[in-house]
C-alpha atoms as a PDB file:
ATOM      1  CA  MET A   1      -0.042  -0.056  -0.037  1.00  0.00           C
ATOM      2  CA  GLY A   2       1.429   3.287  -1.038  1.00  0.00           C
ATOM      3  CA  VAL A   3       1.214   6.798   0.368  1.00  0.00           C
ATOM      4  CA  GLY A   4      -1.497   7.773  -2.091  1.00  0.00           C
ATOM      5  CA  GLU A   5      -3.634   4.816  -1.205  1.00  0.00           C
ATOM      6  CA  ILE A   6      -3.343   5.534   2.518  1.00  0.00           C
ATOM      7  CA  ALA A   7      -4.230   9.227   1.937  1.00  0.00           C
ATOM      8  CA  GLY A   8      -7.265   8.064  -0.104  1.00  0.00           C
ATOM      9  CA  LEU A   9      -8.270   5.663   2.723  1.00  0.00           C
ATOM     10  CA  VAL A  10      -7.960   8.473   5.278  1.00  0.00           C
ATOM     11  CA  ALA A  11     -10.019  10.766   3.108  1.00  0.00           C
ATOM     12  CA  ALA A  12     -12.698   8.101   2.682  1.00  0.00           C
ATOM     13  CA  ILE A  13     -12.878   7.500   6.432  1.00  0.00           C
ATOM     14  CA  ALA A  14     -13.023  11.285   7.089  1.00  0.00           C
ATOM     15  CA  PHE A  15     -15.825  11.614   4.531  1.00  0.00           C
ATOM     16  CA  ALA A  16     -17.739   8.637   6.147  1.00  0.00           C
ATOM     17  CA  VAL A  17     -17.354  10.257   9.593  1.00  0.00           C
ATOM     18  CA  LEU A  18     -18.523  13.631   8.273  1.00  0.00           C
ATOM     19  CA  ALA A  19     -21.475  11.968   6.554  1.00  0.00           C
ATOM     20  CA  GLY A  20     -22.327  10.167   9.802  1.00  0.00           C
ATOM     21  CA  PHE A  21     -22.326  13.451  11.660  1.00  0.00           C
ATOM     22  CA  MET A  22     -24.494  15.091   8.967  1.00  0.00           C
ATOM     23  CA  ILE A  23     -27.145  12.310   9.068  1.00  0.00           C
ATOM     24  CA  TYR A  24     -28.516  13.317  12.530  1.00  0.00           C
ATOM     25  CA  PRO A  25     -29.152  17.083  11.624  1.00  0.00           C
ATOM     26  CA  LEU A  26     -30.660  16.061   8.319  1.00  0.00           C
ATOM     27  CA  ILE A  27     -33.018  13.622  10.039  1.00  0.00           C
ATOM     28  CA  ARG A  28     -33.978  16.369  12.475  1.00  0.00           C
ATOM     29  CA  LEU A  29     -34.506  18.806   9.654  1.00  0.00           C
ATOM     30  CA  GLY A  30     -36.714  16.276   7.830  1.00  0.00           C
ATOM     31  CA  LYS A  31     -38.887  15.820  11.002  1.00  0.00           C
ATOM     32  CA  MET A  32     -39.141  19.568  11.332  1.00  0.00           C
ATOM     33  CA  PHE A  33     -40.397  19.891   7.715  1.00  0.00           C
ATOM     34  CA  ASP A  34     -42.913  17.093   8.415  1.00  0.00           C
ATOM     35  CA  GLN A  35     -44.189  19.026  11.434  1.00  0.00           C
ATOM     36  CA  ILE A  36     -44.382  22.268   9.467  1.00  0.00           C
ATOM     37  CA  ALA A  37     -46.341  20.465   6.748  1.00  0.00           C
ATOM     38  CA  GLN A  38     -48.686  18.995   9.346  1.00  0.00           C
ATOM     39  CA  THR A  39     -49.175  22.400  10.992  1.00  0.00           C
ATOM     40  CA  VAL A  40     -50.009  24.085   7.647  1.00  0.00           C
ATOM     41  CA  LYS A  41     -52.450  21.283   6.905  1.00  0.00           C
ATOM     42  CA  ASP A  42     -54.084  21.680  10.295  1.00  0.00           C
ATOM     43  CA  SER A  43     -54.204  25.420   9.905  1.00  0.00           C
ATOM     44  CA  GLY A  44     -55.896  24.994   6.547  1.00  0.00           C
ATOM     45  CA  ASP A  45     -58.359  22.507   7.982  1.00  0.00           C
ATOM     46  CA  HIS A  46     -59.270  24.888  10.803  1.00  0.00           C
ATOM     47  CA  ALA A  47     -59.282  28.037   8.632  1.00  0.00           C
ATOM     48  CA  ILE A  48     -62.009  26.797   6.249  1.00  0.00           C
ATOM     49  CA  PRO A  49     -64.682  26.341   8.968  1.00  0.00           C
ATOM     50  CA  ALA A  50     -63.692  29.644  10.500  1.00  0.00           C
ATOM     51  CA  LEU A  51     -64.040  31.326   7.089  1.00  0.00           C
ATOM     52  CA  ASP A  52     -67.447  29.645   6.645  1.00  0.00           C
ATOM     53  CA  GLU A  53     -68.536  30.912  10.064  1.00  0.00           C
ATOM     54  CA  SER A  54     -67.314  34.427   9.265  1.00  0.00           C
ATOM     55  CA  VAL A  55     -69.236  34.420   5.986  1.00  0.00           C
ATOM     56  CA  THR A  56     -72.379  33.343   7.861  1.00  0.00           C
ATOM     57  CA  THR A  57     -71.782  36.089  10.452  1.00  0.00           C
ATOM     58  CA  VAL A  58     -71.333  38.722   7.767  1.00  0.00           C
ATOM     59  CA  LYS A  59     -74.605  37.577   6.018  1.00  0.00           C
ATOM     60  CA  GLN A  60     -76.450  37.856   9.372  1.00  0.00           C
ATOM     61  CA  VAL A  61     -75.007  41.303  10.034  1.00  0.00           C
ATOM     62  CA  ASN A  62     -76.033  42.405   6.502  1.00  0.00           C
ATOM     63  CA  LYS A  63     -79.566  41.097   7.116  1.00  0.00           C
ATOM     64  CA  SER A  64     -79.707  42.970  10.395  1.00  0.00           C
ATOM     65  CA  LEU A  65     -78.511  46.131   8.709  1.00  0.00           C
ATOM     66  CA  GLU A  66     -81.184  45.766   6.058  1.00  0.00           C
ATOM     67  CA  ASP A  67     -83.766  45.503   8.843  1.00  0.00           C
ATOM     68  CA  VAL A  68     -82.339  48.580  10.505  1.00  0.00           C
ATOM     69  CA  ASN A  69     -82.468  50.412   7.195  1.00  0.00           C
ATOM     70  CA  LYS A  70     -86.145  49.444   6.777  1.00  0.00           C
ATOM     71  CA  ILE A  71     -86.913  50.612  10.363  1.00  0.00           C
ATOM     72  CA  SER A  72     -85.069  53.939   9.859  1.00  0.00           C
ATOM     73  CA  ALA A  73     -86.857  54.550   6.547  1.00  0.00           C
ATOM     74  CA  ALA A  74     -90.175  53.829   8.189  1.00  0.00           C
ATOM     75  CA  ALA A  75     -89.248  56.172  11.077  1.00  0.00           C
ATOM     76  CA  SER A  76     -88.266  58.897   8.504  1.00  0.00           C
ATOM     77  CA  THR A  77     -91.580  58.477   6.691  1.00  0.00           C
ATOM     78  CA  THR A  78     -93.476  58.698   9.937  1.00  0.00           C
ATOM     79  CA  ALA A  79     -91.590  61.833  10.947  1.00  0.00           C
ATOM     80  CA  ASN A  80     -92.397  63.405   7.554  1.00  0.00           C
ATOM     81  CA  ASN A  81     -96.090  62.446   7.957  1.00  0.00           C
ATOM     82  CA  VAL A  82     -96.231  63.940  11.447  1.00  0.00           C
ATOM     83  CA  GLY A  83     -94.669  67.089  10.207  1.00  0.00           C
ATOM     84  CA  ALA A  84     -97.121  67.343   7.322  1.00  0.00           C
ATOM     85  CA  LEU A  85    -100.070  66.659   9.743  1.00  0.00           C
ATOM     86  CA  THR A  86     -98.823  69.334  12.124  1.00  0.00           C
ATOM     87  CA  ASP A  87     -98.636  71.820   9.211  1.00  0.00           C
ATOM     88  CA  LEU A  88    -102.174  70.829   8.184  1.00  0.00           C
ATOM     89  CA  TYR A  89    -103.581  71.318  11.611  1.00  0.00           C
ATOM     90  CA  GLY A  90    -101.712  74.524  12.036  1.00  0.00           C
ATOM     91  CA  SER A  91    -103.092  75.994   8.837  1.00  0.00           C
ATOM     92  CA  PHE A  92    -106.545  74.547   9.391  1.00  0.00           C
ATOM     93  CA  LEU A  93    -107.038  75.383  13.047  1.00  0.00           C
ATOM     94  CA  GLY A  94    -104.303  77.873  13.857  1.00  0.00           C
ATOM     95  CA  LYS A  95    -105.451  80.829  11.855  1.00  0.00           C
ATOM     96  CA  PRO A  96    -109.140  80.662  12.898  1.00  0.00           C
ATOM     97  CA  VAL A  97    -108.093  80.321  16.560  1.00  0.00           C
ATOM     98  CA  ILE A  98    -105.806  83.271  16.292  1.00  0.00           C
ATOM     99  CA  LYS A  99    -108.603  85.289  14.619  1.00  0.00           C
ATOM    100  CA  VAL A 100    -111.131  84.338  17.351  1.00  0.00           C
ATOM    101  CA  ALA A 101    -108.599  85.159  20.096  1.00  0.00           C
ATOM    102  CA  SER A 102    -107.842  88.559  18.552  1.00  0.00           C
ATOM    103  CA  ALA A 103    -111.514  89.320  18.155  1.00  0.00           C
ATOM    104  CA  MET A 104    -112.120  88.369  21.832  1.00  0.00           C
ATOM    105  CA  TYR A 105    -109.250  90.602  22.844  1.00  0.00           C
ATOM    106  CA  ALA A 106    -110.750  93.449  20.837  1.00  0.00           C
ATOM    107  CA  VAL A 107    -114.111  92.936  22.437  1.00  0.00           C
ATOM    108  CA  LYS A 108    -112.556  92.786  25.906  1.00  0.00           C
ATOM    109  CA  SER A 109    -110.460  95.952  25.295  1.00  0.00           C
ATOM    110  CA  THR A 110    -113.416  97.796  23.930  1.00  0.00           C
ATOM    111  CA  ALA A 111    -115.647  96.762  26.852  1.00  0.00           C
ATOM    112  CA  GLN A 112    -112.984  97.797  29.390  1.00  0.00           C
ATOM    113  CA  SER A 113    -112.475 101.097  27.605  1.00  0.00           C
ATOM    114  CA  PHE A 114    -116.238 101.712  27.551  1.00  0.00           C
ATOM    115  CA  LEU A 115    -116.656 100.777  31.203  1.00  0.00           C
ATOM    116  CA  ALA A 116    -113.735 103.024  32.168  1.00  0.00           C
ATOM    117  CA  LYS A 117    -115.218 106.001  30.331  1.00  0.00           C
ATOM    118  CA  LYS A 118    -118.674 105.345  31.858  1.00  0.00           C
ATOM    119  CA  THR A 119    -117.276 105.239  35.392  1.00  0.00           C
ATOM    120  CA  ALA A 120    -115.231 108.400  34.603  1.00  0.00           C
ATOM    121  CA  VAL A 121    -118.376 110.156  33.403  1.00  0.00           C
ATOM    122  CA  GLN A 122    -120.317 109.050  36.455  1.00  0.00           C
ATOM    123  CA  GLY A 123    -117.552 110.108  38.791  1.00  0.00           C
ATOM    124  CA  SER A 124    -117.382 113.502  37.227  1.00  0.00           C
ATOM    125  CA  GLU A 125    -121.199 113.964  37.537  1.00  0.00           C
ATOM    126  CA  GLY A 126    -120.955 113.155  41.213  1.00  0.00           C
ATOM    127  CA  LYS A 127    -118.338 115.917  41.763  1.00  0.00           C
ATOM    128  CA  GLY A 128    -120.407 118.543  40.059  1.00  0.00           C
ATOM    129  CA  GLU A 129    -123.424 118.255  42.381  1.00  0.00           C
END
């Protein structure tokens, strides 16, 4: 056996030892990739039902919002109708009531003025005697 053969044998043994040391980290790395793949699969399996539930929730929220829109539209219509009814009553009853009240005030003022003059005239007649 020559020097070249011995050097080749030493290199082959060193390579075998190096390969032996590299096997353990590669096995661990393979297990880690298997766990990552399983985690991704589990995440996907859990994400699909969660997405389905969120879609259902969004549909229910949209339905509730549609109901709220209907209610607010009905409330707006009711408010407009009440406003129109108030204007109608104001124009129908308000002006005549104001006219009657002003006529009554005029009658009252005239009667008080007349009575005040009458008592003033009577009082002046009593002083002249």
